[in-house]
Amino acid sequence: MKTNKKNTHTISLVKTEISFPCSTTQTVLNSMAALTRYIWYSFWVSWCGCGVCVVEVLSGKFSGLPMSRKHISGKDEANGRVLACRISPQSDLSLKVVGKLQKSVYKFNVGDKEIF
């Protein structure tokens, strides 16, 4: 399900119908922020200090910058639990939002009715 743009991959959020393009030079959170219909957090949260954007990578490859150990342990990171503000896709990704951001994502996906 790759998009036609070179070096752009599709990010899909499980338990939702949300998918969006993300460039290999962009973080997943920055691409999510473009979906203001779903994501109300500002770009300023993408400095790896708040831990709001924890996701679990279920499939696909990504490159990442160092993660804050305050929010993501080495074991978490090895198991695919990462900060969306610190990863960029290297292939299409399937993600489960598990941090504080999940309430915003899952609530708005189903017309203000929470699904978890």
N, C-alpha and C. Protein backbone atom coordinates (compact mmCIF):
# COMPACT_ATOMS: atom_id res chain seq x y z
N MET A 1 0.81 -1.19 0.00
CA MET A 1 0.00 0.00 0.00
C MET A 1 0.86 1.26 0.00
N LYS A 2 2.02 1.21 -0.63
CA LYS A 2 2.88 2.38 -0.72
C LYS A 2 2.23 3.47 -1.53
N THR A 3 2.50 4.70 -1.13
CA THR A 3 2.01 5.82 -1.92
C THR A 3 2.92 5.99 -3.13
N ASN A 4 2.51 6.82 -4.08
CA ASN A 4 3.28 6.99 -5.30
C ASN A 4 4.53 7.84 -5.12
N LYS A 5 4.58 8.64 -4.09
CA LYS A 5 5.74 9.50 -3.88
C LYS A 5 6.95 8.66 -3.46
N LYS A 6 8.08 8.96 -4.08
CA LYS A 6 9.31 8.26 -3.74
C LYS A 6 9.69 8.57 -2.29
N ASN A 7 10.14 7.57 -1.57
CA ASN A 7 10.57 7.70 -0.17
C ASN A 7 9.45 8.08 0.78
N THR A 8 8.22 7.78 0.40
CA THR A 8 7.07 8.02 1.27
C THR A 8 6.38 6.68 1.52
N HIS A 9 6.01 6.45 2.76
CA HIS A 9 5.38 5.19 3.14
C HIS A 9 4.05 5.47 3.82
N THR A 10 3.22 4.44 3.90
CA THR A 10 1.91 4.56 4.53
C THR A 10 1.99 4.08 5.97
N ILE A 11 1.50 4.91 6.87
CA ILE A 11 1.42 4.57 8.29
C ILE A 11 -0.04 4.25 8.58
N SER A 12 -0.32 3.09 9.14
CA SER A 12 -1.68 2.69 9.48
C SER A 12 -1.78 2.50 10.99
N LEU A 13 -2.85 3.04 11.57
CA LEU A 13 -3.09 2.90 13.01
C LEU A 13 -4.13 1.81 13.23
N VAL A 14 -3.74 0.75 13.96
CA VAL A 14 -4.66 -0.36 14.19
C VAL A 14 -5.86 0.10 15.02
N LYS A 15 -6.94 -0.60 14.89
CA LYS A 15 -8.22 -0.30 15.55
C LYS A 15 -8.86 0.98 15.03
N THR A 16 -8.36 1.47 13.90
CA THR A 16 -8.91 2.69 13.30
C THR A 16 -8.94 2.52 11.80
N GLU A 17 -9.51 3.47 11.14
CA GLU A 17 -9.43 3.55 9.68
C GLU A 17 -8.43 4.61 9.27
N ILE A 18 -7.58 5.02 10.20
CA ILE A 18 -6.62 6.08 9.96
C ILE A 18 -5.37 5.52 9.30
N SER A 19 -5.00 6.10 8.17
CA SER A 19 -3.70 5.84 7.55
C SER A 19 -3.28 7.16 6.91
N PHE A 20 -1.99 7.34 6.83
CA PHE A 20 -1.47 8.61 6.31
C PHE A 20 -0.08 8.40 5.75
N PRO A 21 0.32 9.26 4.83
CA PRO A 21 1.67 9.16 4.26
C PRO A 21 2.70 9.77 5.20
N CYS A 22 3.90 9.21 5.16
CA CYS A 22 5.00 9.76 5.95
C CYS A 22 6.29 9.55 5.17
N SER A 23 7.03 10.61 5.00
CA SER A 23 8.31 10.57 4.30
C SER A 23 9.38 9.95 5.19
N THR A 24 10.38 9.38 4.56
CA THR A 24 11.50 8.81 5.32
C THR A 24 12.32 9.90 6.02
N THR A 25 12.11 11.15 5.66
CA THR A 25 12.84 12.26 6.29
C THR A 25 12.00 12.98 7.34
N GLN A 26 10.85 12.43 7.65
CA GLN A 26 9.91 13.06 8.58
C GLN A 26 9.62 12.08 9.72
N THR A 27 9.36 12.60 10.92
CA THR A 27 8.98 11.69 12.00
C THR A 27 7.51 11.32 11.86
N VAL A 28 7.17 10.18 12.42
CA VAL A 28 5.78 9.73 12.38
C VAL A 28 4.88 10.74 13.09
N LEU A 29 5.33 11.30 14.21
CA LEU A 29 4.51 12.28 14.92
C LEU A 29 4.25 13.52 14.09
N ASN A 30 5.25 14.00 13.37
CA ASN A 30 5.04 15.17 12.52
C ASN A 30 4.00 14.89 11.45
N SER A 31 4.01 13.68 10.90
CA SER A 31 2.99 13.33 9.91
C SER A 31 1.62 13.21 10.57
N MET A 32 1.58 12.66 11.78
CA MET A 32 0.32 12.57 12.52
C MET A 32 -0.25 13.95 12.80
N ALA A 33 0.62 14.88 13.13
CA ALA A 33 0.18 16.23 13.47
C ALA A 33 -0.52 16.91 12.30
N ALA A 34 -0.20 16.47 11.09
CA ALA A 34 -0.88 17.02 9.92
C ALA A 34 -2.34 16.59 9.88
N LEU A 35 -2.69 15.58 10.65
CA LEU A 35 -4.07 15.08 10.71
C LEU A 35 -4.81 15.76 11.86
N THR A 36 -4.89 17.06 11.81
CA THR A 36 -5.46 17.79 12.94
C THR A 36 -6.88 17.36 13.28
N ARG A 37 -7.53 16.69 12.37
CA ARG A 37 -8.86 16.16 12.67
C ARG A 37 -8.78 15.14 13.81
N TYR A 38 -7.66 14.44 13.90
CA TYR A 38 -7.50 13.39 14.90
C TYR A 38 -6.56 13.78 16.04
N ILE A 39 -5.52 14.52 15.71
CA ILE A 39 -4.44 14.77 16.66
C ILE A 39 -4.47 16.24 17.08
N TRP A 40 -4.65 16.49 18.35
CA TRP A 40 -4.72 17.87 18.80
C TRP A 40 -3.42 18.37 19.41
N TYR A 41 -2.42 17.54 19.48
CA TYR A 41 -1.13 17.96 20.04
C TYR A 41 -0.37 18.79 19.02
N SER A 42 0.38 19.75 19.50
CA SER A 42 1.16 20.62 18.62
C SER A 42 2.50 19.99 18.28
N PHE A 43 3.15 20.56 17.28
CA PHE A 43 4.48 20.07 16.91
C PHE A 43 5.47 20.17 18.06
N TRP A 44 5.26 21.09 18.97
CA TRP A 44 6.25 21.27 20.03
C TRP A 44 6.37 20.08 20.95
N VAL A 45 5.46 19.14 20.93
CA VAL A 45 5.61 17.95 21.77
C VAL A 45 6.66 17.01 21.20
N SER A 46 7.14 17.26 20.01
CA SER A 46 8.04 16.31 19.36
C SER A 46 9.50 16.48 19.77
N TRP A 47 9.74 16.88 20.99
CA TRP A 47 11.12 17.03 21.46
C TRP A 47 11.52 15.94 22.43
N CYS A 48 10.79 14.84 22.49
CA CYS A 48 11.16 13.64 23.24
C CYS A 48 11.19 13.88 24.74
N GLY A 49 10.43 14.80 25.25
CA GLY A 49 10.47 15.06 26.67
C GLY A 49 9.20 14.71 27.41
N CYS A 50 8.10 14.54 26.70
CA CYS A 50 6.83 14.39 27.41
C CYS A 50 6.32 12.95 27.46
N GLY A 51 6.70 12.09 26.53
CA GLY A 51 6.27 10.70 26.53
C GLY A 51 4.84 10.47 26.08
N VAL A 52 4.21 11.47 25.52
CA VAL A 52 2.81 11.37 25.10
C VAL A 52 2.65 10.45 23.89
N CYS A 53 3.63 10.40 23.02
CA CYS A 53 3.46 9.76 21.71
C CYS A 53 3.96 8.32 21.63
N VAL A 54 3.82 7.55 22.68
CA VAL A 54 4.28 6.16 22.67
C VAL A 54 3.43 5.34 21.71
N VAL A 55 4.09 4.61 20.82
CA VAL A 55 3.42 3.70 19.89
C VAL A 55 4.13 2.36 19.92
N GLU A 56 3.41 1.34 19.50
CA GLU A 56 4.00 0.01 19.35
C GLU A 56 4.01 -0.31 17.86
N VAL A 57 5.19 -0.57 17.32
CA VAL A 57 5.32 -0.91 15.91
C VAL A 57 4.99 -2.39 15.76
N LEU A 58 3.88 -2.68 15.07
CA LEU A 58 3.44 -4.05 14.89
C LEU A 58 4.05 -4.69 13.64
N SER A 59 4.29 -3.87 12.63
CA SER A 59 4.96 -4.37 11.43
C SER A 59 5.62 -3.22 10.70
N GLY A 60 6.67 -3.55 9.96
CA GLY A 60 7.39 -2.56 9.18
C GLY A 60 8.73 -2.22 9.79
N LYS A 61 9.50 -1.46 9.02
CA LYS A 61 10.84 -1.07 9.44
C LYS A 61 10.89 0.45 9.61
N PHE A 62 11.68 0.87 10.58
CA PHE A 62 11.84 2.30 10.85
C PHE A 62 13.26 2.58 11.29
N SER A 63 13.66 3.84 11.18
CA SER A 63 14.92 4.30 11.76
C SER A 63 14.53 5.21 12.91
N GLY A 64 15.39 5.25 13.91
CA GLY A 64 15.04 6.05 15.06
C GLY A 64 16.20 6.83 15.63
N LEU A 65 15.85 7.92 16.26
CA LEU A 65 16.80 8.71 17.03
C LEU A 65 16.79 8.17 18.46
N PRO A 66 17.76 8.54 19.28
CA PRO A 66 17.76 8.05 20.67
C PRO A 66 16.45 8.39 21.39
N MET A 67 15.98 7.44 22.17
CA MET A 67 14.72 7.58 22.92
C MET A 67 15.02 8.02 24.36
N SER A 68 14.13 8.79 24.93
CA SER A 68 14.24 9.17 26.33
C SER A 68 14.00 7.93 27.19
N ARG A 69 14.96 7.54 28.01
CA ARG A 69 14.80 6.38 28.88
C ARG A 69 13.82 6.65 30.01
N LYS A 70 13.45 7.89 30.18
CA LYS A 70 12.41 8.23 31.15
C LYS A 70 11.07 7.64 30.69
N HIS A 71 10.89 7.53 29.38
CA HIS A 71 9.62 7.08 28.81
C HIS A 71 9.68 5.73 28.11
N ILE A 72 10.85 5.39 27.55
CA ILE A 72 11.01 4.13 26.81
C ILE A 72 12.28 3.43 27.31
N SER A 73 12.10 2.24 27.88
CA SER A 73 13.25 1.47 28.33
C SER A 73 13.92 0.81 27.14
N GLY A 74 15.14 0.33 27.33
CA GLY A 74 15.82 -0.40 26.27
C GLY A 74 15.04 -1.63 25.85
N LYS A 75 14.42 -2.31 26.82
CA LYS A 75 13.61 -3.49 26.53
C LYS A 75 12.37 -3.11 25.71
N ASP A 76 11.72 -2.01 26.10
CA ASP A 76 10.56 -1.51 25.33
C ASP A 76 10.97 -1.27 23.88
N GLU A 77 12.06 -0.56 23.72
CA GLU A 77 12.51 -0.20 22.37
C GLU A 77 12.82 -1.45 21.55
N ALA A 78 13.47 -2.43 22.17
CA ALA A 78 13.80 -3.68 21.48
C ALA A 78 12.54 -4.44 21.07
N ASN A 79 11.44 -4.24 21.80
CA ASN A 79 10.17 -4.90 21.50
C ASN A 79 9.25 -4.06 20.63
N GLY A 80 9.75 -2.95 20.09
CA GLY A 80 8.97 -2.15 19.15
C GLY A 80 8.14 -1.05 19.77
N ARG A 81 8.27 -0.84 21.08
CA ARG A 81 7.56 0.27 21.73
C ARG A 81 8.48 1.47 21.70
N VAL A 82 8.06 2.51 20.98
CA VAL A 82 8.92 3.66 20.72
C VAL A 82 8.13 4.96 20.80
N LEU A 83 8.84 6.07 20.70
CA LEU A 83 8.21 7.38 20.66
C LEU A 83 8.03 7.79 19.20
N ALA A 84 6.82 8.14 18.83
CA ALA A 84 6.53 8.53 17.44
C ALA A 84 7.31 9.77 17.03
N CYS A 85 7.71 10.57 17.99
CA CYS A 85 8.48 11.78 17.68
C CYS A 85 9.94 11.47 17.36
N ARG A 86 10.34 10.19 17.51
CA ARG A 86 11.74 9.84 17.31
C ARG A 86 11.95 8.81 16.20
N ILE A 87 10.89 8.43 15.48
CA ILE A 87 11.06 7.44 14.42
C ILE A 87 10.60 7.97 13.06
N SER A 88 11.25 7.45 12.02
CA SER A 88 10.89 7.73 10.63
C SER A 88 10.74 6.39 9.92
N PRO A 89 9.76 6.27 9.03
CA PRO A 89 9.52 4.98 8.38
C PRO A 89 10.59 4.65 7.34
N GLN A 90 10.91 3.38 7.25
CA GLN A 90 11.76 2.87 6.17
C GLN A 90 10.96 1.92 5.28
N SER A 91 9.72 1.65 5.70
CA SER A 91 8.74 0.87 4.94
C SER A 91 7.37 1.28 5.46
N ASP A 92 6.32 0.70 4.91
CA ASP A 92 4.99 0.93 5.47
C ASP A 92 5.00 0.42 6.91
N LEU A 93 4.29 1.12 7.81
CA LEU A 93 4.24 0.74 9.22
C LEU A 93 2.81 0.52 9.67
N SER A 94 2.64 -0.44 10.55
CA SER A 94 1.38 -0.64 11.25
C SER A 94 1.67 -0.35 12.71
N LEU A 95 0.94 0.61 13.29
CA LEU A 95 1.20 1.06 14.65
C LEU A 95 -0.02 0.92 15.54
N LYS A 96 0.25 0.65 16.80
CA LYS A 96 -0.78 0.70 17.83
C LYS A 96 -0.39 1.86 18.74
N VAL A 97 -1.27 2.82 18.90
CA VAL A 97 -1.00 3.96 19.77
C VAL A 97 -1.26 3.51 21.20
N VAL A 98 -0.24 3.60 22.06
CA VAL A 98 -0.37 3.10 23.43
C VAL A 98 -0.12 4.17 24.48
N GLY A 99 0.39 5.31 24.09
CA GLY A 99 0.64 6.38 25.04
C GLY A 99 -0.60 7.22 25.28
N LYS A 100 -0.39 8.35 25.93
CA LYS A 100 -1.50 9.26 26.24
C LYS A 100 -2.22 9.76 24.99
N LEU A 101 -1.57 9.66 23.86
CA LEU A 101 -2.15 10.09 22.60
C LEU A 101 -3.31 9.19 22.16
N GLN A 102 -3.37 7.96 22.70
CA GLN A 102 -4.40 7.03 22.24
C GLN A 102 -5.82 7.53 22.48
N LYS A 103 -6.05 8.21 23.55
CA LYS A 103 -7.40 8.69 23.81
C LYS A 103 -7.85 9.65 22.72
N SER A 104 -6.96 10.53 22.31
CA SER A 104 -7.28 11.47 21.25
C SER A 104 -7.50 10.75 19.92
N VAL A 105 -6.61 9.83 19.57
CA VAL A 105 -6.70 9.13 18.29
C VAL A 105 -7.95 8.28 18.23
N TYR A 106 -8.16 7.43 19.22
CA TYR A 106 -9.28 6.49 19.16
C TYR A 106 -10.62 7.16 19.39
N LYS A 107 -10.66 8.19 20.21
CA LYS A 107 -11.92 8.91 20.44
C LYS A 107 -12.41 9.57 19.16
N PHE A 108 -11.53 10.30 18.49
CA PHE A 108 -11.95 11.05 17.31
C PHE A 108 -12.17 10.17 16.10
N ASN A 109 -11.62 8.98 16.09
CA ASN A 109 -11.80 8.10 14.95
C ASN A 109 -13.24 7.63 14.80
N VAL A 110 -13.97 7.53 15.88
CA VAL A 110 -15.33 6.98 15.81
C VAL A 110 -16.36 8.01 16.23
N GLY A 111 -16.15 9.23 15.83
CA GLY A 111 -17.14 10.28 16.07
C GLY A 111 -17.39 10.56 17.54
N ASP A 112 -16.33 10.76 18.29
CA ASP A 112 -16.39 11.11 19.71
C ASP A 112 -16.90 9.98 20.61
N LYS A 113 -16.95 8.76 20.11
CA LYS A 113 -17.29 7.62 20.95
C LYS A 113 -16.01 6.80 21.13
N GLU A 114 -15.56 6.67 22.36
CA GLU A 114 -14.33 5.94 22.61
C GLU A 114 -14.52 4.46 22.28
N ILE A 115 -13.46 3.84 21.72
CA ILE A 115 -13.56 2.45 21.32
C ILE A 115 -12.66 1.53 22.12
N PHE A 116 -12.04 2.03 23.17
CA PHE A 116 -11.20 1.15 23.97
C PHE A 116 -11.68 1.12 25.39
